[in-house]
PDB file of all heavy atoms in Angstrom:
ATOM      1  N   LEU A   1     -86.800 -92.400 -87.024  1.00  0.00           N
ATOM      2  CA  LEU A   1     -87.305 -93.710 -86.815  1.00  0.00           C
ATOM      3  C   LEU A   1     -88.840 -93.753 -86.819  1.00  0.00           C
ATOM      4  O   LEU A   1     -89.419 -94.860 -87.338  1.00  0.00           O
ATOM      5  CB  LEU A   1     -86.726 -94.268 -85.546  1.00  0.00           C
ATOM      6  CG  LEU A   1     -85.189 -94.588 -85.642  1.00  0.00           C
ATOM      7  CD1 LEU A   1     -84.756 -94.959 -84.252  1.00  0.00           C
ATOM      8  CD2 LEU A   1     -84.828 -95.592 -86.710  1.00  0.00           C
ATOM      9  N   SER A   2     -89.476 -92.858 -86.307  1.00  0.00           N
ATOM     10  CA  SER A   2     -90.880 -92.731 -86.284  1.00  0.00           C
ATOM     11  C   SER A   2     -91.476 -92.844 -87.697  1.00  0.00           C
ATOM     12  O   SER A   2     -92.357 -93.424 -88.071  1.00  0.00           O
ATOM     13  CB  SER A   2     -91.462 -91.569 -85.515  1.00  0.00           C
ATOM     14  OG  SER A   2     -91.164 -91.583 -84.211  1.00  0.00           O
ATOM     15  N   CYS A   3     -90.834 -91.968 -88.612  1.00  0.00           N
ATOM     16  CA  CYS A   3     -91.238 -91.888 -89.914  1.00  0.00           C
ATOM     17  C   CYS A   3     -90.980 -93.158 -90.689  1.00  0.00           C
ATOM     18  O   CYS A   3     -91.855 -93.623 -91.486  1.00  0.00           O
ATOM     19  CB  CYS A   3     -90.499 -90.788 -90.675  1.00  0.00           C
ATOM     20  SG  CYS A   3     -90.991 -89.080 -90.178  1.00  0.00           S
ATOM     21  N   LEU A   4     -89.856 -93.846 -90.475  1.00  0.00           N
ATOM     22  CA  LEU A   4     -89.520 -95.049 -91.071  1.00  0.00           C
ATOM     23  C   LEU A   4     -90.475 -96.159 -90.593  1.00  0.00           C
ATOM     24  O   LEU A   4     -91.071 -96.873 -91.433  1.00  0.00           O
ATOM     25  CB  LEU A   4     -88.172 -95.399 -90.888  1.00  0.00           C
ATOM     26  CG  LEU A   4     -87.637 -96.775 -91.625  1.00  0.00           C
ATOM     27  CD1 LEU A   4     -87.723 -96.590 -93.166  1.00  0.00           C
ATOM     28  CD2 LEU A   4     -86.194 -97.136 -91.201  1.00  0.00           C
ATOM     29  N   ARG A   5     -90.797 -96.210 -89.316  1.00  0.00           N
ATOM     30  CA  ARG A   5     -91.651 -97.326 -88.812  1.00  0.00           C
ATOM     31  C   ARG A   5     -93.117 -97.065 -89.355  1.00  0.00           C
ATOM     32  O   ARG A   5     -93.713 -98.039 -89.700  1.00  0.00           O
ATOM     33  CB  ARG A   5     -91.652 -97.236 -87.343  1.00  0.00           C
ATOM     34  CG  ARG A   5     -90.318 -97.757 -86.718  1.00  0.00           C
ATOM     35  CD  ARG A   5     -90.373 -97.617 -85.197  1.00  0.00           C
ATOM     36  NE  ARG A   5     -91.418 -98.486 -84.730  1.00  0.00           N
ATOM     37  CZ  ARG A   5     -91.111 -99.733 -84.165  1.00  0.00           C
ATOM     38  NH1 ARG A   5     -89.983-100.189 -84.162  1.00  0.00           N
ATOM     39  NH2 ARG A   5     -92.242-100.445 -83.778  1.00  0.00           N
ATOM     40  N   GLU A   6     -93.413 -95.786 -89.431  1.00  0.00           N
ATOM     41  CA  GLU A   6     -94.836 -95.509 -89.971  1.00  0.00           C
ATOM     42  C   GLU A   6     -94.911 -95.986 -91.451  1.00  0.00           C
ATOM     43  O   GLU A   6     -95.956 -96.642 -91.825  1.00  0.00           O
ATOM     44  CB  GLU A   6     -95.093 -94.066 -89.831  1.00  0.00           C
ATOM     45  CG  GLU A   6     -96.585 -93.634 -90.341  1.00  0.00           C
ATOM     46  CD  GLU A   6     -97.664 -94.287 -89.440  1.00  0.00           C
ATOM     47  OE1 GLU A   6     -97.535 -94.485 -88.283  1.00  0.00           O
ATOM     48  OE2 GLU A   6     -98.708 -94.614 -89.931  1.00  0.00           O
ATOM     49  N   MET A   7     -93.896 -95.761 -92.061  1.00  0.00           N
ATOM     50  CA  MET A   7     -93.834 -96.109 -93.530  1.00  0.00           C
ATOM     51  C   MET A   7     -93.938 -97.630 -93.721  1.00  0.00           C
ATOM     52  O   MET A   7     -94.538 -98.196 -94.648  1.00  0.00           O
ATOM     53  CB  MET A   7     -92.654 -95.629 -94.236  1.00  0.00           C
ATOM     54  CG  MET A   7     -92.581 -95.901 -95.691  1.00  0.00           C
ATOM     55  SD  MET A   7     -91.097 -95.362 -96.517  1.00  0.00           S
ATOM     56  CE  MET A   7     -91.515 -93.528 -96.448  1.00  0.00           C
ATOM     57  N   LEU A   8     -93.265 -98.397 -92.912  1.00  0.00           N
ATOM     58  CA  LEU A   8     -93.106 -99.874 -92.994  1.00  0.00           C
ATOM     59  C   LEU A   8     -94.209-100.643 -92.387  1.00  0.00           C
ATOM     60  O   LEU A   8     -94.676-101.657 -92.894  1.00  0.00           O
ATOM     61  CB  LEU A   8     -91.822-100.307 -92.418  1.00  0.00           C
ATOM     62  CG  LEU A   8     -90.525 -99.682 -93.154  1.00  0.00           C
ATOM     63  CD1 LEU A   8     -89.236-100.263 -92.407  1.00  0.00           C
ATOM     64  CD2 LEU A   8     -90.481-100.041 -94.566  1.00  0.00           C
ATOM     65  N   TYR A   9     -94.709-100.235 -91.152  1.00  0.00           N
ATOM     66  CA  TYR A   9     -95.569-101.053 -90.400  1.00  0.00           C
ATOM     67  C   TYR A   9     -96.930-100.488 -89.967  1.00  0.00           C
ATOM     68  O   TYR A   9     -97.936-101.241 -89.734  1.00  0.00           O
ATOM     69  CB  TYR A   9     -94.949-101.429 -89.162  1.00  0.00           C
ATOM     70  CG  TYR A   9     -93.558-102.019 -89.283  1.00  0.00           C
ATOM     71  CD1 TYR A   9     -92.424-101.359 -88.725  1.00  0.00           C
ATOM     72  CD2 TYR A   9     -93.343-103.194 -89.883  1.00  0.00           C
ATOM     73  CE1 TYR A   9     -91.163-101.936 -88.864  1.00  0.00           C
ATOM     74  CE2 TYR A   9     -92.110-103.802 -89.983  1.00  0.00           C
ATOM     75  CZ  TYR A   9     -90.962-103.068 -89.494  1.00  0.00           C
ATOM     76  OH  TYR A   9     -89.769-103.615 -89.618  1.00  0.00           O
ATOM     77  N   ASP A  10     -97.028 -99.199 -89.736  1.00  0.00           N
ATOM     78  CA  ASP A  10     -98.189 -98.798 -88.989  1.00  0.00           C
ATOM     79  C   ASP A  10     -99.378 -98.459 -89.922  1.00  0.00           C
ATOM     80  O   ASP A  10     -99.536 -98.794 -91.044  1.00  0.00           O
ATOM     81  CB  ASP A  10     -97.746 -97.492 -88.157  1.00  0.00           C
ATOM     82  CG  ASP A  10     -96.730 -97.861 -87.104  1.00  0.00           C
ATOM     83  OD1 ASP A  10     -96.806 -99.134 -86.597  1.00  0.00           O
ATOM     84  OD2 ASP A  10     -95.935 -97.090 -86.732  1.00  0.00           O
ATOM     85  N   ALA A  11    -100.288 -97.620 -89.327  1.00  0.00           N
ATOM     86  CA  ALA A  11    -101.600 -97.269 -89.921  1.00  0.00           C
ATOM     87  C   ALA A  11    -101.422 -96.869 -91.401  1.00  0.00           C
ATOM     88  O   ALA A  11    -102.289 -97.131 -92.185  1.00  0.00           O
ATOM     89  CB  ALA A  11    -102.372 -96.258 -89.134  1.00  0.00           C
ATOM     90  N   ASN A  12    -100.498 -96.052 -91.750  1.00  0.00           N
ATOM     91  CA  ASN A  12    -100.294 -95.488 -93.022  1.00  0.00           C
ATOM     92  C   ASN A  12     -99.232 -96.208 -93.816  1.00  0.00           C
ATOM     93  O   ASN A  12     -98.626 -95.598 -94.806  1.00  0.00           O
ATOM     94  CB  ASN A  12    -100.070 -93.983 -93.021  1.00  0.00           C
ATOM     95  CG  ASN A  12    -101.269 -93.202 -92.576  1.00  0.00           C
ATOM     96  OD1 ASN A  12    -102.331 -93.409 -93.014  1.00  0.00           O
ATOM     97  ND2 ASN A  12    -101.038 -92.267 -91.688  1.00  0.00           N
ATOM     98  N   ALA A  13     -98.979 -97.424 -93.508  1.00  0.00           N
ATOM     99  CA  ALA A  13     -97.773 -98.109 -94.130  1.00  0.00           C
ATOM    100  C   ALA A  13     -98.030 -98.165 -95.685  1.00  0.00           C
ATOM    101  O   ALA A  13     -99.207 -98.303 -96.195  1.00  0.00           O
ATOM    102  CB  ALA A  13     -97.713 -99.580 -93.656  1.00  0.00           C
ATOM    103  N   VAL A  14     -96.996 -98.102 -96.349  1.00  0.00           N
ATOM    104  CA  VAL A  14     -97.137 -98.111 -97.954  1.00  0.00           C
ATOM    105  C   VAL A  14     -96.716 -99.563 -98.272  1.00  0.00           C
ATOM    106  O   VAL A  14     -96.026-100.295 -97.436  1.00  0.00           O
ATOM    107  CB  VAL A  14     -96.180 -97.078 -98.623  1.00  0.00           C
ATOM    108  CG1 VAL A  14     -96.638 -95.641 -98.248  1.00  0.00           C
ATOM    109  CG2 VAL A  14     -94.736 -97.300 -98.232  1.00  0.00           C
ATOM    110  N   PRO A  15     -97.182 -99.999 -99.490  1.00  0.00           N
ATOM    111  CA  PRO A  15     -96.676-101.319 -99.886  1.00  0.00           C
ATOM    112  C   PRO A  15     -95.101-101.526 -99.856  1.00  0.00           C
ATOM    113  O   PRO A  15     -94.499-100.481-100.221  1.00  0.00           O
ATOM    114  CB  PRO A  15     -97.294-101.511-101.293  1.00  0.00           C
ATOM    115  CG  PRO A  15     -98.326-100.541-101.314  1.00  0.00           C
ATOM    116  CD  PRO A  15     -98.026 -99.352-100.343  1.00  0.00           C
ATOM    117  N   SER A  16     -94.650-102.598 -99.633  1.00  0.00           N
ATOM    118  CA  SER A  16     -93.132-102.787 -99.583  1.00  0.00           C
ATOM    119  C   SER A  16     -92.496-102.380-100.753  1.00  0.00           C
ATOM    120  O   SER A  16     -91.301-101.810-100.758  1.00  0.00           O
ATOM    121  CB  SER A  16     -92.854-104.189 -99.120  1.00  0.00           C
ATOM    122  OG  SER A  16     -93.236-105.190-100.097  1.00  0.00           O
ATOM    123  N   SER A  17     -93.084-102.638-101.962  1.00  0.00           N
ATOM    124  CA  SER A  17     -92.482-102.294-103.197  1.00  0.00           C
ATOM    125  C   SER A  17     -92.370-100.713-103.259  1.00  0.00           C
ATOM    126  O   SER A  17     -91.328-100.226-103.874  1.00  0.00           O
ATOM    127  CB  SER A  17     -93.258-102.841-104.402  1.00  0.00           C
ATOM    128  OG  SER A  17     -94.543-102.335-104.381  1.00  0.00           O
ATOM    129  N   LYS A  18     -93.429-100.137-102.793  1.00  0.00           N
ATOM    130  CA  LYS A  18     -93.399 -98.584-102.867  1.00  0.00           C
ATOM    131  C   LYS A  18     -92.349 -98.018-101.885  1.00  0.00           C
ATOM    132  O   LYS A  18     -91.693 -97.083-102.187  1.00  0.00           O
ATOM    133  CB  LYS A  18     -94.822 -98.039-102.746  1.00  0.00           C
ATOM    134  CG  LYS A  18     -94.820 -96.479-102.804  1.00  0.00           C
ATOM    135  CD  LYS A  18     -96.165 -95.858-102.588  1.00  0.00           C
ATOM    136  CE  LYS A  18     -96.126 -94.365-102.679  1.00  0.00           C
ATOM    137  NZ  LYS A  18     -97.445 -93.802-102.582  1.00  0.00           N
ATOM    138  N   ALA A  19     -92.301 -98.612-100.690  1.00  0.00           N
ATOM    139  CA  ALA A  19     -91.392 -98.280 -99.647  1.00  0.00           C
ATOM    140  C   ALA A  19     -89.951 -98.383-100.222  1.00  0.00           C
ATOM    141  O   ALA A  19     -89.063 -97.498-100.069  1.00  0.00           O
ATOM    142  CB  ALA A  19     -91.522 -98.944 -98.378  1.00  0.00           C
ATOM    143  N   GLU A  20     -89.583 -99.420-100.909  1.00  0.00           N
ATOM    144  CA  GLU A  20     -88.341 -99.646-101.593  1.00  0.00           C
ATOM    145  C   GLU A  20     -87.957 -98.430-102.565  1.00  0.00           C
ATOM    146  O   GLU A  20     -86.809 -98.024-102.561  1.00  0.00           O
ATOM    147  CB  GLU A  20     -88.230-101.013-102.185  1.00  0.00           C
ATOM    148  CG  GLU A  20     -88.245-102.168-101.213  1.00  0.00           C
ATOM    149  CD  GLU A  20     -88.373-103.514-101.970  1.00  0.00           C
ATOM    150  OE1 GLU A  20     -88.144-103.582-103.144  1.00  0.00           O
ATOM    151  OE2 GLU A  20     -88.593-104.501-101.233  1.00  0.00           O
ATOM    152  N   LEU A  21     -88.876 -98.048-103.287  1.00  0.00           N
ATOM    153  CA  LEU A  21     -88.707 -96.933-104.245  1.00  0.00           C
ATOM    154  C   LEU A  21     -88.453 -95.647-103.575  1.00  0.00           C
ATOM    155  O   LEU A  21     -87.628 -94.798-103.897  1.00  0.00           O
ATOM    156  CB  LEU A  21     -89.864 -96.809-105.135  1.00  0.00           C
ATOM    157  CG  LEU A  21     -90.036 -97.928-106.237  1.00  0.00           C
ATOM    158  CD1 LEU A  21     -91.327 -97.768-106.982  1.00  0.00           C
ATOM    159  CD2 LEU A  21     -88.862 -98.014-107.173  1.00  0.00           C
ATOM    160  N   ILE A  22     -89.105 -95.417-102.395  1.00  0.00           N
ATOM    161  CA  ILE A  22     -89.080 -94.243-101.659  1.00  0.00           C
ATOM    162  C   ILE A  22     -87.748 -94.055-100.977  1.00  0.00           C
ATOM    163  O   ILE A  22     -87.054 -93.088-101.038  1.00  0.00           O
ATOM    164  CB  ILE A  22     -90.294 -93.961-100.716  1.00  0.00           C
ATOM    165  CG1 ILE A  22     -91.546 -93.858-101.457  1.00  0.00           C
ATOM    166  CG2 ILE A  22     -90.106 -92.876 -99.854  1.00  0.00           C
ATOM    167  CD1 ILE A  22     -92.756 -94.120-100.575  1.00  0.00           C
ATOM    168  N   ILE A  23     -87.395 -95.158-100.202  1.00  0.00           N
ATOM    169  CA  ILE A  23     -86.198 -94.971 -99.350  1.00  0.00           C
ATOM    170  C   ILE A  23     -84.896 -95.462-100.035  1.00  0.00           C
ATOM    171  O   ILE A  23     -83.755 -95.307 -99.575  1.00  0.00           O
ATOM    172  CB  ILE A  23     -86.404 -95.649 -98.017  1.00  0.00           C
ATOM    173  CG1 ILE A  23     -86.866 -97.152 -98.162  1.00  0.00           C
ATOM    174  CG2 ILE A  23     -87.478 -94.911 -97.207  1.00  0.00           C
ATOM    175  CD1 ILE A  23     -86.964 -97.943 -96.883  1.00  0.00           C
ATOM    176  N   GLY A  24     -85.092 -96.272-101.148  1.00  0.00           N
ATOM    177  CA  GLY A  24     -83.896 -96.733-101.797  1.00  0.00           C
ATOM    178  C   GLY A  24     -83.195 -98.023-101.386  1.00  0.00           C
ATOM    179  O   GLY A  24     -82.070 -98.255-101.883  1.00  0.00           O
ATOM    180  N   VAL A  25     -83.802 -98.623-100.546  1.00  0.00           N
ATOM    181  CA  VAL A  25     -83.343-100.005-100.141  1.00  0.00           C
ATOM    182  C   VAL A  25     -84.454-101.050-100.059  1.00  0.00           C
ATOM    183  O   VAL A  25     -85.641-100.582 -99.830  1.00  0.00           O
ATOM    184  CB  VAL A  25     -82.505-100.051 -98.775  1.00  0.00           C
ATOM    185  CG1 VAL A  25     -81.314 -99.108 -98.816  1.00  0.00           C
ATOM    186  CG2 VAL A  25     -83.417 -99.677 -97.627  1.00  0.00           C
ATOM    187  N   LYS A  26     -84.115-102.238-100.008  1.00  0.00           N
ATOM    188  CA  LYS A  26     -85.143-103.288 -99.958  1.00  0.00           C
ATOM    189  C   LYS A  26     -85.807-103.245 -98.515  1.00  0.00           C
ATOM    190  O   LYS A  26     -85.226-102.828 -97.565  1.00  0.00           O
ATOM    191  CB  LYS A  26     -84.574-104.696-100.104  1.00  0.00           C
ATOM    192  CG  LYS A  26     -84.062-104.887-101.560  1.00  0.00           C
ATOM    193  CD  LYS A  26     -84.467-106.249-102.114  1.00  0.00           C
ATOM    194  CE  LYS A  26     -84.008-106.393-103.500  1.00  0.00           C
ATOM    195  NZ  LYS A  26     -85.090-106.040-104.545  1.00  0.00           N
ATOM    196  N   PHE A  27     -87.124-103.623 -98.474  1.00  0.00           N
ATOM    197  CA  PHE A  27     -87.843-103.600 -97.247  1.00  0.00           C
ATOM    198  C   PHE A  27     -87.162-104.287 -96.196  1.00  0.00           C
ATOM    199  O   PHE A  27     -87.089-103.728 -95.044  1.00  0.00           O
ATOM    200  CB  PHE A  27     -89.241-104.300 -97.532  1.00  0.00           C
ATOM    201  CG  PHE A  27     -90.097-104.238 -96.384  1.00  0.00           C
ATOM    202  CD1 PHE A  27     -91.059-103.163 -96.257  1.00  0.00           C
ATOM    203  CD2 PHE A  27     -90.224-105.262 -95.419  1.00  0.00           C
ATOM    204  CE1 PHE A  27     -91.915-103.124 -95.191  1.00  0.00           C
ATOM    205  CE2 PHE A  27     -91.103-105.169 -94.362  1.00  0.00           C
ATOM    206  CZ  PHE A  27     -91.988-104.065 -94.237  1.00  0.00           C
ATOM    207  N   ASN A  28     -86.597-105.433 -96.358  1.00  0.00           N
ATOM    208  CA  ASN A  28     -85.915-106.235 -95.360  1.00  0.00           C
ATOM    209  C   ASN A  28     -84.674-105.362 -94.764  1.00  0.00           C
ATOM    210  O   ASN A  28     -84.314-105.431 -93.619  1.00  0.00           O
ATOM    211  CB  ASN A  28     -85.391-107.628 -95.757  1.00  0.00           C
ATOM    212  CG  ASN A  28     -86.552-108.502 -96.118  1.00  0.00           C
ATOM    213  OD1 ASN A  28     -87.670-108.306 -95.631  1.00  0.00           O
ATOM    214  ND2 ASN A  28     -86.269-109.600 -96.844  1.00  0.00           N
ATOM    215  N   GLY A  29     -83.953-104.732 -95.631  1.00  0.00           N
ATOM    216  CA  GLY A  29     -82.832-103.904 -95.098  1.00  0.00           C
ATOM    217  C   GLY A  29     -83.355-102.759 -94.330  1.00  0.00           C
ATOM    218  O   GLY A  29     -82.758-102.428 -93.324  1.00  0.00           O
ATOM    219  N   ALA A  30     -84.532-102.055 -94.722  1.00  0.00           N
ATOM    220  CA  ALA A  30     -85.037-100.976 -93.892  1.00  0.00           C
ATOM    221  C   ALA A  30     -85.579-101.446 -92.542  1.00  0.00           C
ATOM    222  O   ALA A  30     -85.376-100.782 -91.599  1.00  0.00           O
ATOM    223  CB  ALA A  30     -86.186-100.348 -94.636  1.00  0.00           C
ATOM    224  N   GLU A  31     -86.038-102.755 -92.487  1.00  0.00           N
ATOM    225  CA  GLU A  31     -86.540-103.170 -91.247  1.00  0.00           C
ATOM    226  C   GLU A  31     -85.355-103.254 -90.200  1.00  0.00           C
ATOM    227  O   GLU A  31     -85.644-103.083 -88.959  1.00  0.00           O
ATOM    228  CB  GLU A  31     -87.072-104.753 -91.382  1.00  0.00           C
ATOM    229  CG  GLU A  31     -88.492-104.654 -91.918  1.00  0.00           C
ATOM    230  CD  GLU A  31     -89.064-106.095 -91.925  1.00  0.00           C
ATOM    231  OE1 GLU A  31     -88.223-106.971 -92.437  1.00  0.00           O
ATOM    232  OE2 GLU A  31     -90.094-106.328 -91.362  1.00  0.00           O
ATOM    233  N   LEU A  32     -84.134-103.540 -90.716  1.00  0.00           N
ATOM    234  CA  LEU A  32     -83.089-103.603 -89.733  1.00  0.00           C
ATOM    235  C   LEU A  32     -82.861-102.352 -89.017  1.00  0.00           C
ATOM    236  O   LEU A  32     -82.316-102.377 -87.899  1.00  0.00           O
ATOM    237  CB  LEU A  32     -81.772-104.035 -90.399  1.00  0.00           C
ATOM    238  CG  LEU A  32     -81.826-105.545 -91.080  1.00  0.00           C
ATOM    239  CD1 LEU A  32     -80.578-105.687 -91.830  1.00  0.00           C
ATOM    240  CD2 LEU A  32     -82.061-106.564 -90.071  1.00  0.00           C
ATOM    241  N   LEU A  33     -83.153-101.214 -89.584  1.00  0.00           N
ATOM    242  CA  LEU A  33     -83.044 -99.953 -88.942  1.00  0.00           C
ATOM    243  C   LEU A  33     -84.054 -99.669 -87.756  1.00  0.00           C
ATOM    244  O   LEU A  33     -83.797 -98.845 -86.888  1.00  0.00           O
ATOM    245  CB  LEU A  33     -83.198 -98.769 -89.911  1.00  0.00           C
ATOM    246  CG  LEU A  33     -82.006 -98.739 -90.932  1.00  0.00           C
ATOM    247  CD1 LEU A  33     -82.267 -97.705 -91.900  1.00  0.00           C
ATOM    248  CD2 LEU A  33     -80.656 -98.395 -90.145  1.00  0.00           C
ATOM    249  N   CYS A  34     -85.172-100.378 -87.805  1.00  0.00           N
ATOM    250  CA  CYS A  34     -86.186-100.247 -86.823  1.00  0.00           C
ATOM    251  C   CYS A  34     -85.923-101.085 -85.653  1.00  0.00           C
ATOM    252  O   CYS A  34     -86.350-100.899 -84.553  1.00  0.00           O
ATOM    253  CB  CYS A  34     -87.579-100.558 -87.461  1.00  0.00           C
ATOM    254  SG  CYS A  34     -88.058 -99.412 -88.679  1.00  0.00           S
TER     255      CYS A  34
END
């Protein structure tokens, strides 16, 4: 969860389009896990 939150929101967050490519789901779907 720390890794996912860092990717989506924190200091080193990646753009949502890149996050979707990395984790394989849309940003909104990934947010639900946090």
